[in-house]
């Protein structure tokens, strides 16, 4: 006879039902978790679709449409006018780079002070020592070495360089360029607050000594003994130089030779080739002198437009991975003009720049004042030059570039006014293509 245990059966039944419930919950979780994940994926896909639609709308109108057209134009410029046996467009034709940029700005100026001024009283002429006749000029040989890091981005040949200061406490610069096989353009601005060098201002030194003699010993105007003058170093804070230039080039043999490939790395030069290069340049230099001449502050602004024709060559190794470049372009100034402005310090700030009428008044008032920029003619035909050397090496998506440039711009007039502005620079870049 089998005995029935009611309590045990109840416990077993309850345990069985618990297992069934647990299994049911687990099954529900297994079903619901994928459904939740599917809901999240669906939501993400919906968001991506919405963003894509918004971006699509952005590129179809307004600013987005303009940017897209411009980007397509850059692509067109990259591929147009090239022989693909010699020149290729990189698969990744955009890159960012960081570079070390160093430049040494030279500015030599010679400004005559012609003391044979017709308004000068004979008494003053007789009083001036004879040795000053050979020292009637102002000469400065100024220079400033600067170094900075630059962060740049190149988008299909269009690049901008933003400086990061290192050793150029008194300098600012920025660069913008469009590089290509057929043509290119470059803009650069530099500003150096302090210039070093030598100053030969014998006439100004002598004038002060003569004035001192006349004030302290007016009865002995016959004292024409020589005045001692000397060449001295340029005191700090006296010279300030700004330089701006915009230059463009056109490559005649652009089907086989690419200046941008060797100099900037925008393209790939597959075989060695050379070409004649036409170049145009607008150059402006502005030198500010504080307390160095008759006025409290003088500015000499030289504007010029130059045209040139030269030759460049790319020497290629390793199928275009390593490229050496050298080019030289003599240039002639088609327009060359110098402007001289003066102003005075009122004890707290500088006043406005003198008008031509005020400048004439000062010249009539001060017999030592002579503005060489007002007399004679500017020399239009002046020979300038531009030279470049570069090495570019590419490894996968990395790009290494070293370039050196030399620019020289001259000015002289029939009165003996002379300016020699030399601007050598060296730049080393490391970039990553994307």
Foldseek 3Di string as FASTA:
>chain_A
DDDDDPVVVVVVVVVVVVVVVVVVVVVVCVVVVVVVVVVVVVVVVVVVVVVVVVLVVQCVDDPNVVVVVVLVVLVVQAPPPAAVVFWFFDPQQKWKWKKKKKKKWKKKWKAFQQLVDVLDDVLVVLLAAPVCNVVRIKIWTWMDIAMWMWIKIARSQWMWIATHGDRQPFKHKIKTKGFHLFKIKIKMKMKGQWIKGKIRNPNVQSVVVSVVCCVVPVPCSNPNPDDDGDMDMDDTRFKIKIKIKMKMKGWPNSHNDGPCCFAPNSIFGQAKDKTKMKMKMWMKMKMWGACPDPFRIKIKIKIWIKIWIWMKIWHDDPRRQKIKMKIKIKIWTQAIAIDMWGWHDPPPGTDDIDDPVVLVVVCSVDSSDDGLRVDFDKDRTDIWMKIKIKMWGDDDFKIKIKMKMKTWDWIAGPSGIIMIIIMIMIMIMIMGGD
